């Protein structure tokens, strides 16, 4: 990380799920012999795949509508959709020129990223892993345990700011944010979601256990379904200016003059240096 890096700058960019360490020497990332999609919080400072990147401040936030977990029932495994509670104004329409995001509140999950360059040279590959914690949070009450741990969810702008600010918040302080959360809600969904080929609102629609049919949605899940349906009504070829934009501290639309990858390259200009300090105004 460069000493002159501005750790307060936030960027949004695509990365491949499944962390490839920068030290990986083979010519093809698919030759990784173990899965790095998830990283257990209790071993992330012990495993070489994650420790180096974490100590160098390569912390990121992974965004998602929610995630799924399966609970064992007498008839098989029942999928649940798990997400943040939603407020009434979450899907309110903004006024013209209003840049505030008013859609579904996305889960903000703690992650670690790294950048890998092919040994023979070529384009840098950015990859990430999602940190998991043991303990089911609010799921415990319904006896829906997380067999592999649950994602480490950062709840609120302050937690997000601390996790991303590699310059002002050292690693040992940042990892204190990695805790199970109670601020989640969930509902059972159809086994339609079990197939990776299925990608439709039906994957999220609540069902009645036993009857295996859709039931009246809760206020929170109804807002989620309304938002999904509204977002699908428009043309898939929407112009960039028509898409909603965020005003959160941790994310913004990249400037056309400086791409997300450019900013990350500034941060990662010198491997092995200690965490940067912010530039003084």
Protein backbone atom coordinates (compact mmCIF):
# COMPACT_ATOMS: atom_id res chain seq x y z
CA UNK A 1 0.00 0.00 0.00
CA UNK A 2 1.40 3.36 -0.96
CA UNK A 3 2.31 5.89 1.71
CA UNK A 4 0.50 8.64 -0.24
CA UNK A 5 -2.70 6.60 -0.71
CA UNK A 6 -5.93 8.32 0.26
CA UNK A 7 -7.66 5.75 2.44
CA UNK A 8 -10.85 7.82 2.62
CA UNK A 9 -11.64 7.31 -1.06
CA UNK A 10 -14.27 4.68 -1.85
CA UNK A 11 -14.65 2.85 -5.15
CA UNK A 12 -17.07 0.29 -6.55
CA UNK A 13 -15.75 -2.39 -8.86
CA UNK A 14 -16.31 -5.95 -9.98
CA UNK A 15 -14.12 -8.63 -8.46
CA UNK A 16 -14.14 -12.39 -8.86
CA UNK A 17 -15.47 -14.33 -5.87
CA UNK A 18 -12.80 -16.67 -4.51
CA UNK A 19 -9.59 -14.98 -3.37
CA UNK A 20 -6.41 -15.66 -5.37
CA UNK A 21 -3.39 -14.58 -3.25
CA UNK A 22 -0.91 -12.26 -4.91
CA UNK A 23 1.82 -14.84 -4.23
CA UNK A 24 0.07 -17.62 -6.21
CA UNK A 25 2.67 -18.74 -8.75
CA UNK A 26 0.75 -20.90 -11.21
CA UNK A 27 -0.29 -19.48 -14.58
CA UNK A 28 -4.01 -20.12 -14.15
CA UNK A 29 -6.05 -19.09 -11.08
CA UNK A 30 -8.38 -22.05 -11.62
CA UNK A 31 -5.48 -24.27 -10.51
CA UNK A 32 -6.04 -23.21 -6.90
CA UNK A 33 -6.42 -26.47 -5.00
CA UNK A 34 -8.69 -25.18 -2.25
CA UNK A 35 -11.82 -23.04 -1.98
CA UNK A 36 -11.34 -19.42 -0.88
CA UNK A 37 -14.91 -18.14 -1.33
CA UNK A 38 -15.38 -17.86 2.44
CA UNK A 39 -12.83 -17.07 5.13
CA UNK A 40 -13.41 -18.05 8.76
CA UNK A 41 -12.79 -15.15 11.11
CA UNK A 42 -11.07 -17.34 13.70
CA UNK A 43 -8.39 -18.47 11.24
CA UNK A 44 -8.02 -15.50 8.87
CA UNK A 45 -4.84 -14.32 10.62
CA UNK A 46 -3.39 -17.82 10.48
CA UNK A 47 -4.07 -18.89 6.89
CA UNK A 48 -1.45 -17.64 4.43
CA UNK A 49 -4.12 -17.10 1.75
CA UNK A 50 -5.71 -14.32 3.80
CA UNK A 51 -3.19 -13.12 6.39
CA UNK A 52 -0.93 -11.21 4.02
CA UNK A 53 -3.73 -9.31 2.32
CA UNK A 54 -5.46 -8.56 5.63
CA UNK A 55 -2.32 -7.18 7.27
CA UNK A 56 -1.73 -4.96 4.22
CA UNK A 57 -5.15 -3.35 4.66
CA UNK A 58 -6.87 -5.02 1.70
CA UNK A 59 -10.32 -4.86 3.28
CA UNK A 60 -13.51 -4.54 1.24
CA UNK A 61 -17.29 -4.57 1.63
CA UNK A 62 -19.32 -7.09 -0.38
CA UNK A 63 -22.85 -6.02 -1.35
CA UNK A 64 -25.81 -8.40 -1.80
CA UNK A 65 -29.60 -8.39 -1.59
CA UNK A 66 -29.24 -11.15 0.98
CA UNK A 67 -28.06 -14.73 1.22
CA UNK A 68 -29.52 -18.21 1.57
CA UNK A 69 -29.16 -20.83 4.25
CA UNK A 70 -30.61 -24.34 4.32
CA UNK A 71 -32.11 -25.96 7.42
CA UNK A 72 -32.55 -29.72 7.75
CA UNK A 73 -36.22 -30.77 7.93
CA UNK A 74 -37.82 -34.20 7.93
CA UNK A 75 -38.56 -33.83 4.24
CA UNK A 76 -35.12 -32.54 3.31
CA UNK A 77 -33.32 -29.22 3.47
CA UNK A 78 -35.45 -26.07 3.54
CA UNK A 79 -33.94 -22.87 2.06
CA UNK A 80 -34.32 -19.51 3.83
CA UNK A 81 -33.62 -16.04 2.44
CA UNK A 82 -31.81 -13.80 4.96
CA UNK A 83 -31.54 -10.01 4.65
CA UNK A 84 -31.58 -6.65 6.45
CA UNK A 85 -34.93 -5.40 7.83
CA UNK A 86 -36.37 -2.86 5.42
CA UNK A 87 -37.92 0.52 6.22
CA UNK A 88 -41.04 1.95 4.58
CA UNK A 89 -39.13 4.58 2.66
CA UNK A 90 -36.61 2.06 1.34
CA UNK A 91 -38.27 1.84 -2.07
CA UNK A 92 -39.71 5.36 -2.24
CA UNK A 93 -39.28 7.11 -5.56
CA UNK A 94 -36.75 9.93 -5.48
CA UNK A 95 -37.44 13.31 -7.04
CA UNK A 96 -35.85 14.21 -10.34
CA UNK A 97 -32.20 15.02 -9.75
CA UNK A 98 -32.23 13.34 -6.35
CA UNK A 99 -29.07 11.24 -6.13
CA UNK A 100 -30.01 9.41 -2.95
CA UNK A 101 -30.41 5.66 -3.28
CA UNK A 102 -33.91 4.71 -2.12
CA UNK A 103 -33.99 1.07 -3.04
CA UNK A 104 -33.61 -2.18 -1.19
CA UNK A 105 -31.13 -1.94 1.70
CA UNK A 106 -28.34 -4.26 0.65
CA UNK A 107 -26.41 -6.43 3.05
CA UNK A 108 -22.91 -5.08 3.65
CA UNK A 109 -20.58 -7.99 4.34
CA UNK A 110 -16.94 -7.75 5.41
CA UNK A 111 -14.45 -9.14 2.94
CA UNK A 112 -10.76 -9.34 2.08
CA UNK A 113 -9.46 -8.77 -1.44
CA UNK A 114 -6.20 -9.29 -3.27
CA UNK A 115 -4.82 -8.68 -6.75
CA UNK A 116 -3.00 -11.35 -8.71
CA UNK A 117 -0.85 -10.85 -11.77
CA UNK A 118 -0.13 -13.75 -14.15
CA UNK A 119 3.55 -14.82 -13.81
CA UNK A 120 4.06 -14.24 -17.54
CA UNK A 121 2.47 -10.81 -17.31
CA UNK A 122 -0.99 -9.63 -18.25
CA UNK A 123 -4.07 -8.04 -16.76
CA UNK A 124 -4.38 -7.91 -12.98
CA UNK A 125 -7.13 -10.09 -11.50
CA UNK A 126 -8.98 -8.72 -8.47
CA UNK A 127 -10.60 -11.34 -6.23
CA UNK A 128 -12.25 -11.40 -2.81
CA UNK A 129 -13.42 -13.65 -0.02
CA UNK A 130 -16.32 -13.14 2.40
CA UNK A 131 -15.46 -13.37 6.09
CA UNK A 132 -17.71 -15.68 8.12
CA UNK A 133 -18.39 -15.82 11.85
CA UNK A 134 -19.78 -18.58 14.01
CA UNK A 135 -23.18 -18.04 15.60
CA UNK A 136 -26.55 -17.64 13.98
CA UNK A 137 -27.56 -14.22 15.29
CA UNK A 138 -31.31 -13.80 15.02
CA UNK A 139 -31.61 -17.17 13.31
CA UNK A 140 -31.02 -18.99 16.59
CA UNK A 141 -34.59 -18.38 17.73
CA UNK A 142 -35.95 -20.48 14.88
CA UNK A 143 -33.30 -23.19 15.30
CA UNK A 144 -31.94 -22.46 11.84
CA UNK A 145 -28.23 -22.88 12.52
CA UNK A 146 -25.50 -21.81 10.12
CA UNK A 147 -23.49 -24.94 9.48
CA UNK A 148 -20.58 -23.05 7.91
CA UNK A 149 -20.95 -19.83 9.88
CA UNK A 150 -22.74 -16.71 8.68
CA UNK A 151 -21.31 -13.74 6.75
CA UNK A 152 -19.74 -11.06 8.93
CA UNK A 153 -22.24 -8.25 8.41
CA UNK A 154 -21.21 -4.62 8.92
CA UNK A 155 -24.32 -2.86 10.18
CA UNK A 156 -24.26 0.89 9.54
CA UNK A 157 -22.00 3.52 8.00
CA UNK A 158 -19.68 3.79 11.01
CA UNK A 159 -18.82 0.08 10.99
CA UNK A 160 -18.31 0.25 7.23
CA UNK A 161 -16.08 3.32 7.54
CA UNK A 162 -13.88 1.68 10.16
CA UNK A 163 -13.56 -1.55 8.18
CA UNK A 164 -12.55 0.25 4.99
CA UNK A 165 -10.25 2.86 6.52
CA UNK A 166 -7.03 0.85 6.42
CA UNK A 167 -4.90 3.90 7.25
CA UNK A 168 -6.59 5.08 10.43
CA UNK A 169 -7.99 1.77 11.71
CA UNK A 170 -5.29 -0.90 12.13
CA UNK A 171 -5.99 -4.57 11.51
CA UNK A 172 -6.34 -5.59 15.16
CA UNK A 173 -8.88 -2.82 15.73
CA UNK A 174 -10.81 -3.56 12.53
CA UNK A 175 -11.26 -7.25 13.28
CA UNK A 176 -13.20 -6.33 16.44
CA UNK A 177 -16.02 -5.40 14.03
CA UNK A 178 -16.30 -9.01 12.90
CA UNK A 179 -19.16 -10.26 15.08
CA UNK A 180 -22.48 -12.07 14.53
CA UNK A 181 -25.41 -9.70 14.13
CA UNK A 182 -28.97 -9.85 15.44
CA UNK A 183 -30.19 -7.27 12.93
CA UNK A 184 -31.38 -9.69 10.25
CA UNK A 185 -34.73 -11.07 9.18
CA UNK A 186 -35.54 -14.16 7.15
CA UNK A 187 -38.31 -16.24 5.62
CA UNK A 188 -38.58 -19.69 4.00
CA UNK A 189 -38.50 -19.77 0.19
CA UNK A 190 -39.24 -22.37 -2.46
CA UNK A 191 -36.69 -25.04 -3.35
CA UNK A 192 -36.87 -23.38 -6.78
CA UNK A 193 -33.78 -21.54 -5.56
CA UNK A 194 -31.81 -24.78 -5.30
CA UNK A 195 -31.02 -24.69 -9.01
CA UNK A 196 -28.36 -22.16 -10.01
CA UNK A 197 -30.16 -21.80 -13.35
CA UNK A 198 -33.11 -20.10 -11.65
CA UNK A 199 -32.82 -16.34 -11.23
CA UNK A 200 -36.26 -14.81 -10.68
CA UNK A 201 -38.35 -13.13 -7.95
CA UNK A 202 -39.73 -16.58 -7.09
CA UNK A 203 -36.34 -17.33 -5.50
CA UNK A 204 -37.14 -14.73 -2.83
CA UNK A 205 -40.92 -15.07 -2.41
CA UNK A 206 -41.97 -16.32 1.07
CA UNK A 207 -43.77 -19.66 1.29
CA UNK A 208 -45.81 -21.44 3.95
CA UNK A 209 -43.91 -24.42 5.29
CA UNK A 210 -45.78 -27.67 4.72
CA UNK A 211 -48.08 -26.17 2.09
CA UNK A 212 -45.15 -25.16 -0.14
CA UNK A 213 -47.12 -22.27 -1.54
CA UNK A 214 -46.66 -18.53 -1.51
CA UNK A 215 -48.24 -16.71 1.40
CA UNK A 216 -48.87 -13.10 2.18
CA UNK A 217 -45.51 -11.40 2.41
CA UNK A 218 -44.34 -9.58 5.49
CA UNK A 219 -43.99 -5.79 5.12
CA UNK A 220 -40.24 -6.14 4.76
CA UNK A 221 -40.35 -8.96 2.20
CA UNK A 222 -43.18 -7.26 0.26
CA UNK A 223 -41.03 -4.15 -0.19
CA UNK A 224 -38.22 -6.36 -1.44
CA UNK A 225 -40.48 -8.10 -3.99
CA UNK A 226 -41.99 -4.79 -5.15
CA UNK A 227 -38.53 -3.38 -5.65
CA UNK A 228 -37.41 -6.40 -7.67
CA UNK A 229 -40.50 -6.30 -9.90
CA UNK A 230 -40.16 -2.56 -10.51
CA UNK A 231 -36.50 -2.91 -11.38
CA UNK A 232 -37.32 -5.58 -13.97
CA UNK A 233 -40.03 -3.59 -15.75
CA UNK A 234 -37.59 -1.27 -17.50
CA UNK A 235 -35.43 -2.10 -20.47
CA UNK A 236 -32.24 -4.06 -19.66
CA UNK A 237 -30.41 -1.53 -21.82
CA UNK A 238 -30.89 1.33 -19.35
CA UNK A 239 -28.53 4.23 -19.72
CA UNK A 240 -25.99 4.70 -16.95
CA UNK A 241 -27.58 8.02 -15.94
CA UNK A 242 -30.92 6.28 -15.39
CA UNK A 243 -29.51 3.94 -12.76
CA UNK A 244 -29.86 4.83 -9.07
CA UNK A 245 -26.78 6.12 -7.34
CA UNK A 246 -25.56 5.78 -3.77
CA UNK A 247 -24.79 8.51 -1.27
CA UNK A 248 -23.31 6.24 1.39
CA UNK A 249 -19.80 6.97 2.60
CA UNK A 250 -18.33 3.78 1.27
CA UNK A 251 -19.41 3.73 -2.37
CA UNK A 252 -19.77 6.06 -5.32
CA UNK A 253 -19.99 6.12 -9.10
CA UNK A 254 -16.42 6.03 -10.45
CA UNK A 255 -15.20 9.14 -12.20
CA UNK A 256 -14.70 8.68 -15.96
CA UNK A 257 -11.21 10.12 -15.54
CA UNK A 258 -10.10 7.70 -12.83
CA UNK A 259 -11.40 4.15 -12.81
CA UNK A 260 -11.85 1.96 -9.76
CA UNK A 261 -8.93 -0.15 -10.86
CA UNK A 262 -6.77 3.00 -11.10
CA UNK A 263 -7.55 3.92 -7.50
CA UNK A 264 -6.80 0.39 -6.28
CA UNK A 265 -3.52 0.47 -8.17
CA UNK A 266 -2.63 3.68 -6.27
CA UNK A 267 -3.37 1.94 -2.98
CA UNK A 268 -1.44 -1.17 -3.95
CA UNK A 269 1.49 0.52 -5.65
CA UNK A 270 4.13 -0.93 -3.34
CA UNK A 271 3.60 -4.40 -1.93
CA UNK A 272 4.67 -4.95 1.64
CA UNK A 273 4.60 -1.37 2.91
CA UNK A 274 2.80 -0.59 6.17
CA UNK A 275 -0.70 0.85 6.08
CA UNK A 276 -0.79 4.34 4.59
CA UNK A 277 -1.68 7.55 6.37
CA UNK A 278 -4.22 9.87 4.83
CA UNK A 279 -2.97 12.83 2.89
CA UNK A 280 -3.35 16.03 4.83
CA UNK A 281 -5.49 18.73 3.27
